[in-house]
């Protein structure tokens, strides 16, 4: 690879066919902005500089990637074509080495492909691909190994229409030569734009070597102009990721109904039912079983855990052998130890539950530390918010919390204590104590229920 490599990503496209106010490069593929894929790929090349051309929704693009301080943002006020975009970048280049030109709406190009293109011994290298149906793509016209021209579909003759090798729009060029070619561009074409592909003819006219580097997988160079194309690429990417999971030993019940929107690390014997969504950084231990319609985001599910249908887990950790759901929700900060049970319509937030503790029905646990072997009854809640601040609830080992109990934090229930059903507990309960805090039952005989029309 060249000792001095700079990257130019053309990301100012309007995406008019998407009919969206959002910049095209901020549209998401598997939960990640299109531009994010390219920035991750080029980061592996250790380039001397990364220049990103932006236009529509420029401030949002910069804000989205504000954590990447090394990016040089180049604003293209008037979008007059790919050649015009590179003319905006050129003054920022160092004047030596090579520059790699990538397209912001072509997100899945791999670092290995880029290295092959950049390392070619040529003044200008063009990334190409063979397509069974090349309609509407620019054809590569060769003379031996030399690429002579790129002919757009509307300009092809009958013989050229049969050519299956097409232009991807990705190029690598000698910086000094590129400056000369860019200065020769005109907008004398049907689009009235300055087209970067025209530099191929200028390079040939100057006696320069123009070569092609062919990518094997068309998915790498699939561009996005419509939501239909985005959805198709999503399916292609999901299919590839799912296949990799299955080859590693994960049982996927229906590959067409699994969505991976991030990085998944899975052990042996993992089973994923239909309509599961895995987002962010997800780790699944050996023998984890995920039921249908579950969403798991940025979480760790340890060995042998069972996640039943329709459960949502976000930024949480689930211990070995735990059982979650159905219809359970683990919010950020939920930490469940071994063999914990969280049942239907139970919500846990920013709380730790010890080994073997159970909350099986219709309950809320927030900002709490719960020991081992605790039984947390149906309808019980921690009242952790006073309208201004959050407060902690502590429930020690082997405590029993009855049905419909309200624990008004801050409060501690001691080890082995019992809280009777329907209690509103606002004072600490000592170890092995029974706490009952509810109004006295009153019976009124011959009570007549109000009826409509009564005044």
Protein backbone atom coordinates (compact mmCIF):
# COMPACT_ATOMS: atom_id res chain seq x y z
CA UNK A 1 0.00 0.00 0.00
CA UNK A 2 1.15 3.53 -0.70
CA UNK A 3 3.20 5.13 2.09
CA UNK A 4 0.86 8.12 1.94
CA UNK A 5 -2.79 7.23 1.44
CA UNK A 6 -5.63 9.69 1.84
CA UNK A 7 -9.32 8.83 1.72
CA UNK A 8 -12.06 10.88 0.07
CA UNK A 9 -15.64 9.80 0.77
CA UNK A 10 -18.27 11.44 -1.42
CA UNK A 11 -21.22 11.75 0.95
CA UNK A 12 -23.12 14.84 -0.20
CA UNK A 13 -25.87 12.96 -2.06
CA UNK A 14 -29.39 14.28 -1.57
CA UNK A 15 -31.15 10.94 -1.85
CA UNK A 16 -34.06 12.54 -3.69
CA UNK A 17 -35.60 9.19 -4.57
CA UNK A 18 -35.91 8.40 -0.87
CA UNK A 19 -38.03 11.52 -0.36
CA UNK A 20 -36.36 12.00 3.01
CA UNK A 21 -35.10 15.09 4.80
CA UNK A 22 -32.30 13.00 6.29
CA UNK A 23 -28.96 12.83 4.52
CA UNK A 24 -28.66 9.62 2.54
CA UNK A 25 -25.49 8.57 4.39
CA UNK A 26 -27.37 8.77 7.72
CA UNK A 27 -29.95 6.20 6.62
CA UNK A 28 -29.34 3.04 8.61
CA UNK A 29 -28.36 -0.42 7.48
CA UNK A 30 -28.67 -3.08 10.19
CA UNK A 31 -29.05 -0.26 12.71
CA UNK A 32 -25.92 1.63 11.65
CA UNK A 33 -25.58 4.74 9.45
CA UNK A 34 -24.32 3.98 5.94
CA UNK A 35 -21.35 6.31 6.38
CA UNK A 36 -20.38 4.51 9.58
CA UNK A 37 -19.55 1.33 7.66
CA UNK A 38 -17.11 3.16 5.39
CA UNK A 39 -15.45 5.03 8.24
CA UNK A 40 -14.91 1.74 10.10
CA UNK A 41 -13.48 0.10 6.97
CA UNK A 42 -10.99 2.85 6.14
CA UNK A 43 -9.91 3.10 9.78
CA UNK A 44 -8.33 -0.34 9.33
CA UNK A 45 -6.12 1.08 6.56
CA UNK A 46 -4.47 3.67 8.83
CA UNK A 47 -4.77 6.48 6.24
CA UNK A 48 -2.89 9.77 6.50
CA UNK A 49 -6.18 11.70 6.25
CA UNK A 50 -9.91 11.11 5.78
CA UNK A 51 -11.91 13.73 3.89
CA UNK A 52 -15.70 13.48 3.79
CA UNK A 53 -17.69 15.59 1.34
CA UNK A 54 -21.05 16.62 2.78
CA UNK A 55 -23.98 18.68 1.59
CA UNK A 56 -27.58 18.02 2.58
CA UNK A 57 -28.15 17.82 6.36
CA UNK A 58 -24.44 18.53 6.84
CA UNK A 59 -24.67 19.52 10.51
CA UNK A 60 -26.46 16.33 11.47
CA UNK A 61 -23.86 14.28 9.61
CA UNK A 62 -21.05 16.00 11.49
CA UNK A 63 -22.89 15.67 14.81
CA UNK A 64 -23.47 11.95 14.28
CA UNK A 65 -19.73 11.37 13.85
CA UNK A 66 -18.48 14.11 16.15
CA UNK A 67 -16.54 11.52 18.16
CA UNK A 68 -14.24 11.00 15.14
CA UNK A 69 -12.12 14.11 15.49
CA UNK A 70 -9.70 13.17 12.69
CA UNK A 71 -12.27 13.63 9.89
CA UNK A 72 -11.85 16.63 7.60
CA UNK A 73 -15.35 17.71 6.59
CA UNK A 74 -15.51 19.26 3.12
CA UNK A 75 -18.69 21.13 2.25
CA UNK A 76 -20.03 20.93 -1.31
CA UNK A 77 -22.38 23.90 -1.48
CA UNK A 78 -23.52 23.13 -5.02
CA UNK A 79 -23.81 19.48 -5.95
CA UNK A 80 -22.63 19.50 -9.53
CA UNK A 81 -21.47 15.91 -9.82
CA UNK A 82 -18.85 13.50 -8.49
CA UNK A 83 -16.06 15.27 -10.34
CA UNK A 84 -17.09 18.57 -8.80
CA UNK A 85 -17.08 16.93 -5.35
CA UNK A 86 -13.49 15.79 -5.84
CA UNK A 87 -12.55 19.27 -7.01
CA UNK A 88 -13.64 20.47 -3.55
CA UNK A 89 -11.48 17.83 -1.88
CA UNK A 90 -8.35 18.30 -3.97
CA UNK A 91 -7.06 21.49 -2.24
CA UNK A 92 -7.02 19.54 1.04
CA UNK A 93 -4.77 16.76 -0.30
CA UNK A 94 -1.07 16.79 0.51
CA UNK A 95 0.02 16.57 -3.12
CA UNK A 96 1.86 13.25 -2.91
CA UNK A 97 0.96 9.57 -2.66
CA UNK A 98 -2.45 8.20 -3.55
CA UNK A 99 -6.05 9.08 -2.84
CA UNK A 100 -8.84 6.53 -2.56
CA UNK A 101 -12.29 7.72 -3.63
CA UNK A 102 -15.28 5.99 -1.98
CA UNK A 103 -19.01 6.59 -2.35
CA UNK A 104 -20.96 7.32 0.83
CA UNK A 105 -24.00 5.35 -0.34
CA UNK A 106 -21.97 2.20 -1.09
CA UNK A 107 -21.36 1.04 2.49
CA UNK A 108 -20.20 -2.57 2.51
CA UNK A 109 -16.86 -2.44 0.72
CA UNK A 110 -14.30 -4.44 2.71
CA UNK A 111 -10.77 -3.39 3.74
CA UNK A 112 -9.25 -6.34 1.84
CA UNK A 113 -10.89 -5.12 -1.37
CA UNK A 114 -9.62 -1.60 -0.78
CA UNK A 115 -6.07 -2.85 -0.21
CA UNK A 116 -6.15 -4.79 -3.47
CA UNK A 117 -7.29 -1.71 -5.37
CA UNK A 118 -4.82 0.72 -3.79
CA UNK A 119 -1.83 -1.60 -4.13
CA UNK A 120 -2.13 -1.89 -7.90
CA UNK A 121 0.80 -0.62 -9.93
CA UNK A 122 -1.17 1.97 -11.90
CA UNK A 123 -1.67 5.72 -12.06
CA UNK A 124 -5.44 5.19 -11.84
CA UNK A 125 -7.18 2.07 -10.52
CA UNK A 126 -10.90 1.45 -10.97
CA UNK A 127 -12.87 -0.99 -8.85
CA UNK A 128 -15.12 -3.14 -11.05
CA UNK A 129 -17.52 -6.03 -10.67
CA UNK A 130 -19.18 -8.53 -12.99
CA UNK A 131 -22.99 -8.37 -12.94
CA UNK A 132 -25.36 -10.84 -14.57
CA UNK A 133 -27.72 -7.96 -15.30
CA UNK A 134 -25.57 -4.86 -15.90
CA UNK A 135 -28.45 -2.70 -17.09
CA UNK A 136 -28.16 0.96 -16.11
CA UNK A 137 -24.50 0.67 -15.07
CA UNK A 138 -21.43 2.11 -16.76
CA UNK A 139 -19.57 -0.57 -18.77
CA UNK A 140 -15.83 -1.05 -18.55
CA UNK A 141 -14.16 -0.82 -21.97
CA UNK A 142 -10.76 -2.54 -21.95
CA UNK A 143 -7.87 -2.92 -24.33
CA UNK A 144 -5.96 -5.79 -22.81
CA UNK A 145 -5.34 -4.87 -19.18
CA UNK A 146 -5.75 -1.16 -19.87
CA UNK A 147 -9.15 0.38 -19.13
CA UNK A 148 -9.83 2.82 -21.95
CA UNK A 149 -13.28 4.16 -21.13
CA UNK A 150 -16.34 3.87 -18.95
CA UNK A 151 -19.46 4.03 -21.11
CA UNK A 152 -22.78 4.88 -19.49
CA UNK A 153 -25.82 2.72 -20.32
CA UNK A 154 -27.51 5.34 -22.49
CA UNK A 155 -24.36 5.67 -24.62
CA UNK A 156 -23.65 1.96 -25.17
CA UNK A 157 -23.94 0.27 -28.54
CA UNK A 158 -25.25 -3.27 -29.04
CA UNK A 159 -21.87 -4.91 -28.40
CA UNK A 160 -21.13 -2.82 -25.30
CA UNK A 161 -24.51 -3.69 -23.79
CA UNK A 162 -23.29 -7.31 -23.58
CA UNK A 163 -20.36 -6.36 -21.35
CA UNK A 164 -20.93 -7.58 -17.79
CA UNK A 165 -18.00 -5.80 -16.12
CA UNK A 166 -19.29 -2.53 -14.70
CA UNK A 167 -17.91 0.51 -12.90
CA UNK A 168 -18.53 0.73 -9.15
CA UNK A 169 -17.50 4.38 -8.80
CA UNK A 170 -14.63 3.51 -6.45
CA UNK A 171 -11.17 4.61 -7.61
CA UNK A 172 -7.60 5.06 -6.43
CA UNK A 173 -5.41 7.64 -8.13
CA UNK A 174 -2.00 9.26 -8.01
CA UNK A 175 -2.64 12.65 -6.39
CA UNK A 176 -0.45 14.68 -8.76
CA UNK A 177 -2.07 13.18 -11.85
CA UNK A 178 -5.55 13.54 -10.37
CA UNK A 179 -5.14 17.30 -10.15
CA UNK A 180 -4.45 17.49 -13.87
CA UNK A 181 -7.43 15.29 -14.76
CA UNK A 182 -9.83 17.19 -12.51
CA UNK A 183 -8.87 20.47 -14.17
CA UNK A 184 -9.84 18.97 -17.54
CA UNK A 185 -13.38 18.00 -16.54
CA UNK A 186 -16.35 19.66 -18.21
CA UNK A 187 -20.09 19.39 -17.70
CA UNK A 188 -20.79 18.91 -21.40
CA UNK A 189 -23.00 15.84 -20.94
CA UNK A 190 -26.66 14.90 -20.58
CA UNK A 191 -26.53 15.34 -16.80
CA UNK A 192 -24.80 18.73 -17.06
CA UNK A 193 -22.49 17.51 -14.28
CA UNK A 194 -18.76 17.15 -13.79
CA UNK A 195 -18.36 13.38 -13.77
CA UNK A 196 -15.41 11.74 -12.05
CA UNK A 197 -15.55 8.81 -14.46
CA UNK A 198 -14.35 11.16 -17.23
CA UNK A 199 -10.86 11.12 -15.72
CA UNK A 200 -10.38 7.64 -17.24
CA UNK A 201 -10.29 9.12 -20.74
CA UNK A 202 -8.07 12.00 -19.62
CA UNK A 203 -5.63 9.52 -18.04
CA UNK A 204 -5.51 7.53 -21.27
CA UNK A 205 -4.96 10.70 -23.30
CA UNK A 206 -1.98 11.47 -21.07
CA UNK A 207 -0.47 8.03 -21.56
CA UNK A 208 -1.10 6.94 -17.97
CA UNK A 209 -1.72 3.38 -16.84
CA UNK A 210 -5.36 2.70 -15.95
CA UNK A 211 -6.11 -0.71 -14.48
CA UNK A 212 -9.09 -2.45 -12.95
CA UNK A 213 -9.45 -4.39 -9.72
CA UNK A 214 -12.41 -6.73 -9.74
CA UNK A 215 -14.40 -7.41 -6.56
CA UNK A 216 -15.91 -10.88 -6.29
CA UNK A 217 -19.00 -10.20 -4.18
CA UNK A 218 -21.43 -7.65 -5.72
CA UNK A 219 -22.90 -6.96 -2.27
CA UNK A 220 -19.69 -5.11 -1.38
CA UNK A 221 -20.30 -2.52 -4.05
CA UNK A 222 -24.08 -2.26 -4.00
CA UNK A 223 -25.15 1.37 -3.95
CA UNK A 224 -28.24 2.78 -2.26
CA UNK A 225 -30.59 5.26 -3.95
CA UNK A 226 -34.03 4.14 -2.76
CA UNK A 227 -35.56 2.58 0.34
CA UNK A 228 -36.30 -0.50 -1.76
CA UNK A 229 -32.58 -0.87 -2.50
CA UNK A 230 -31.78 -0.25 1.16
CA UNK A 231 -34.19 -3.01 2.21
CA UNK A 232 -32.70 -5.41 -0.34
CA UNK A 233 -29.18 -4.73 0.92
CA UNK A 234 -30.41 -5.16 4.49
CA UNK A 235 -31.68 -8.63 3.60
CA UNK A 236 -28.42 -9.51 1.86
CA UNK A 237 -26.37 -8.38 4.86
CA UNK A 238 -28.67 -10.14 7.34
CA UNK A 239 -28.46 -13.33 5.32
CA UNK A 240 -24.67 -13.22 5.35
CA UNK A 241 -24.48 -12.54 9.10
CA UNK A 242 -27.02 -15.24 9.89
CA UNK A 243 -25.16 -17.77 7.79
CA UNK A 244 -21.96 -16.99 9.69
CA UNK A 245 -23.80 -17.54 12.99
CA UNK A 246 -25.20 -20.88 11.83
CA UNK A 247 -21.78 -22.02 10.62
CA UNK A 248 -20.45 -21.26 14.10
CA UNK A 249 -23.03 -23.63 15.61
CA UNK A 250 -26.04 -21.42 16.36
CA UNK A 251 -29.44 -22.90 15.54
CA UNK A 252 -31.57 -20.29 13.79
CA UNK A 253 -35.14 -21.45 13.40
CA UNK A 254 -35.85 -19.25 10.36
CA UNK A 255 -32.88 -17.34 8.86
CA UNK A 256 -35.25 -14.96 7.08
CA UNK A 257 -36.72 -13.83 10.40
CA UNK A 258 -33.58 -12.93 12.36
CA UNK A 259 -32.23 -9.38 12.44
CA UNK A 260 -28.66 -8.67 13.53
CA UNK A 261 -27.99 -4.97 14.04
CA UNK A 262 -24.54 -5.02 15.54
CA UNK A 263 -22.02 -7.58 16.77
CA UNK A 264 -23.09 -10.97 18.12
CA UNK A 265 -20.77 -13.32 20.00
CA UNK A 266 -22.37 -16.72 20.55
CA UNK A 267 -21.31 -19.93 22.26
CA UNK A 268 -22.25 -23.51 21.46
CA UNK A 269 -25.80 -24.83 21.52
CA UNK A 270 -27.47 -21.44 21.16
CA UNK A 271 -30.99 -21.46 19.72
CA UNK A 272 -32.73 -18.42 18.21
CA UNK A 273 -36.45 -18.58 17.46
CA UNK A 274 -38.27 -16.45 14.88
CA UNK A 275 -38.42 -12.64 14.82
CA UNK A 276 -35.50 -12.14 17.18
CA UNK A 277 -33.68 -8.79 16.95
CA UNK A 278 -30.10 -8.55 18.24
CA UNK A 279 -28.80 -4.98 18.46
CA UNK A 280 -25.49 -3.43 19.43
CA UNK A 281 -22.98 -5.67 21.22
CA UNK A 282 -24.68 -8.91 22.27
CA UNK A 283 -23.01 -11.91 23.93
CA UNK A 284 -24.84 -15.23 24.16
CA UNK A 285 -23.29 -17.99 26.28
CA UNK A 286 -23.46 -21.72 25.64
CA UNK A 287 -26.95 -23.25 25.43
CA UNK A 288 -28.80 -19.94 25.59
CA UNK A 289 -32.34 -20.24 24.21
CA UNK A 290 -34.05 -17.12 22.85
CA UNK A 291 -37.79 -17.40 22.23
CA UNK A 292 -39.79 -15.72 19.47
CA UNK A 293 -40.25 -11.95 19.12
CA UNK A 294 -37.49 -10.99 21.56
CA UNK A 295 -35.31 -7.87 21.35
CA UNK A 296 -31.86 -7.98 22.94
CA UNK A 297 -29.63 -4.91 22.84
CA UNK A 298 -26.12 -4.39 24.24
CA UNK A 299 -26.54 -7.22 26.74
CA UNK A 300 -24.86 -10.37 28.05
CA UNK A 301 -26.90 -13.56 28.35
CA UNK A 302 -24.95 -16.23 30.18
CA UNK A 303 -24.85 -20.00 29.82
CA UNK A 304 -28.14 -21.89 29.80
CA UNK A 305 -30.39 -18.86 30.23
CA UNK A 306 -33.88 -19.05 28.74
CA UNK A 307 -35.45 -15.93 27.29
CA UNK A 308 -39.12 -16.60 26.63
CA UNK A 309 -41.31 -15.00 23.99
CA UNK A 310 -41.82 -11.24 23.59
CA UNK A 311 -39.17 -10.13 26.08
CA UNK A 312 -37.10 -6.95 25.73
CA UNK A 313 -33.59 -6.78 27.20
CA UNK A 314 -31.44 -3.64 26.96
CA UNK A 315 -28.02 -2.97 28.51
CA UNK A 316 -28.53 -5.77 30.99
CA UNK A 317 -26.78 -8.94 32.13
CA UNK A 318 -28.58 -12.24 32.65
CA UNK A 319 -26.85 -14.91 34.74
CA UNK A 320 -26.47 -18.64 34.06
CA UNK A 321 -29.70 -20.62 34.05
CA UNK A 322 -31.92 -17.59 34.50
CA UNK A 323 -35.44 -17.62 33.07
CA UNK A 324 -36.85 -14.41 31.62
CA UNK A 325 -40.38 -13.80 30.36
CA UNK A 326 -42.59 -14.17 28.54
CA UNK A 327 -43.37 -10.45 28.14
CA UNK A 328 -40.60 -9.32 30.50
CA UNK A 329 -38.57 -6.14 30.23
CA UNK A 330 -35.02 -5.68 31.48
CA UNK A 331 -33.98 -2.04 31.26
CA UNK A 332 -30.43 -0.62 31.44
CA UNK A 333 -28.58 -1.60 34.60
CA UNK A 334 -30.48 -4.81 35.31
CA UNK A 335 -28.04 -7.41 36.68
CA UNK A 336 -29.43 -10.87 37.28
CA UNK A 337 -27.46 -13.60 38.99
CA UNK A 338 -27.67 -17.36 38.45
CA UNK A 339 -31.14 -18.97 38.32
CA UNK A 340 -33.06 -15.73 38.72
CA UNK A 341 -36.66 -15.85 37.41
CA UNK A 342 -38.27 -12.76 35.91
CA UNK A 343 -41.78 -13.60 34.72
CA UNK A 344 -44.52 -12.14 32.59
CA UNK A 345 -45.05 -8.37 32.70
CA UNK A 346 -42.18 -7.80 35.13
CA UNK A 347 -39.92 -4.79 34.60
CA UNK A 348 -36.44 -4.48 36.12
CA UNK A 349 -34.36 -1.31 35.93
CA UNK A 350 -30.93 -0.52 37.39
CA UNK A 351 -31.20 -3.31 39.95
CA UNK A 352 -29.23 -6.37 41.05
CA UNK A 353 -30.96 -9.62 41.87
CA UNK A 354 -29.12 -12.39 43.71
CA UNK A 355 -29.00 -16.09 42.96
CA UNK A 356 -32.35 -17.85 42.81
CA UNK A 357 -34.52 -14.78 43.45
CA UNK A 358 -37.88 -14.65 41.69
CA UNK A 359 -40.35 -12.04 40.50
CA UNK A 360 -42.78 -14.07 38.47
CA UNK A 361 -45.75 -11.79 37.80
CA UNK A 362 -46.78 -8.20 37.13
CA UNK A 363 -44.09 -6.40 39.15
CA UNK A 364 -41.68 -3.47 39.00
CA UNK A 365 -38.15 -3.43 40.45
CA UNK A 366 -36.18 -0.19 40.09
CA UNK A 367 -33.01 1.08 41.79
CA UNK A 368 -32.88 -1.94 44.04
CA UNK A 369 -30.43 -4.45 45.46
CA UNK A 370 -32.07 -7.81 46.05
CA UNK A 371 -30.30 -10.69 47.76
CA UNK A 372 -30.45 -14.42 47.15
CA UNK A 373 -33.58 -16.54 47.37
CA UNK A 374 -36.00 -13.60 47.53
CA UNK A 375 -39.63 -14.10 46.51
CA UNK A 376 -41.04 -10.89 45.05
CA UNK A 377 -44.82 -11.12 44.75
CA UNK A 378 -47.24 -10.23 41.97
CA UNK A 379 -48.09 -6.53 41.79
CA UNK A 380 -45.22 -5.53 44.09
CA UNK A 381 -43.33 -2.34 43.21
CA UNK A 382 -40.41 -0.31 44.44
CA UNK A 383 -41.46 3.34 44.78
CA UNK A 384 -38.02 4.63 43.84
CA UNK A 385 -38.86 8.12 42.54
CA UNK A 386 -40.10 10.97 44.73
CA UNK A 387 -40.65 13.38 41.87
CA UNK A 388 -37.13 14.78 42.00
CA UNK A 389 -34.68 12.03 42.99
CA UNK A 390 -34.27 8.27 42.78
CA UNK A 391 -33.87 6.25 45.99
CA UNK A 392 -32.60 2.77 46.76
CA UNK A 393 -34.48 -0.27 48.01
CA UNK A 394 -32.55 -3.11 49.65
CA UNK A 395 -34.11 -6.55 50.09
CA UNK A 396 -31.85 -9.02 51.86
CA UNK A 397 -31.54 -12.80 51.41
CA UNK A 398 -34.62 -15.04 51.72
CA UNK A 399 -37.08 -12.20 52.24
CA UNK A 400 -40.68 -12.68 51.11
CA UNK A 401 -42.50 -9.75 49.52
CA UNK A 402 -46.25 -10.35 49.31
CA UNK A 403 -48.69 -9.45 46.57
CA UNK A 404 -49.40 -5.76 45.83
CA UNK A 405 -46.73 -4.45 48.17
CA UNK A 406 -45.38 -0.91 47.72
CA UNK A 407 -41.83 -0.45 49.01
CA UNK A 408 -41.37 3.31 49.49
CA UNK A 409 -37.66 3.97 49.06
CA UNK A 410 -35.29 4.48 50.69
CA UNK A 411 -36.12 1.34 52.61
CA UNK A 412 -34.50 -1.94 53.66
CA UNK A 413 -36.18 -5.31 54.18
CA UNK A 414 -33.96 -7.53 56.31
CA UNK A 415 -32.93 -11.12 55.71
CA UNK A 416 -35.72 -13.64 56.15
CA UNK A 417 -38.35 -10.92 56.67
CA UNK A 418 -41.89 -11.14 55.34
CA UNK A 419 -44.01 -8.25 54.06
CA UNK A 420 -47.72 -9.00 54.07
CA UNK A 421 -49.84 -8.57 50.94
CA UNK A 422 -51.19 -5.10 50.23
CA UNK A 423 -48.70 -3.34 52.49
CA UNK A 424 -47.25 0.10 51.84
CA UNK A 425 -43.86 -0.10 53.57
CA UNK A 426 -42.05 3.17 54.26
CA UNK A 427 -39.94 2.09 57.26
CA UNK A 428 -37.18 -0.50 57.43
CA UNK A 429 -38.19 -4.08 58.23
CA UNK A 430 -35.79 -5.98 60.45
CA UNK A 431 -34.47 -9.51 59.81
CA UNK A 432 -37.09 -12.25 60.24
CA UNK A 433 -39.82 -9.71 61.05
CA UNK A 434 -43.34 -9.72 59.65
CA UNK A 435 -44.43 -6.30 58.41
CA UNK A 436 -48.08 -5.54 57.68
CA UNK A 437 -48.89 -1.95 56.73
CA UNK A 438 -52.42 -1.64 55.37
CA UNK A 439 -55.65 0.04 56.38
CA UNK A 440 -58.07 -1.73 58.71
CA UNK A 441 -60.86 -3.53 56.85
CA UNK A 442 -64.29 -2.00 57.45
CA UNK A 443 -67.64 -3.67 56.56
CA UNK A 444 -70.76 -1.50 56.07
CA UNK A 445 -73.93 -3.55 56.07
CA UNK A 446 -76.76 -2.94 53.62
CA UNK A 447 -74.54 -0.75 51.46
CA UNK A 448 -76.24 0.45 48.31
CA UNK A 449 -74.07 0.99 45.26
CA UNK A 450 -74.63 4.30 43.42
CA UNK A 451 -76.65 4.03 40.23
CA UNK A 452 -76.81 6.16 37.15
CA UNK A 453 -79.29 8.98 37.59
CA UNK A 454 -78.85 9.23 41.36
CA UNK A 455 -78.33 12.80 42.56
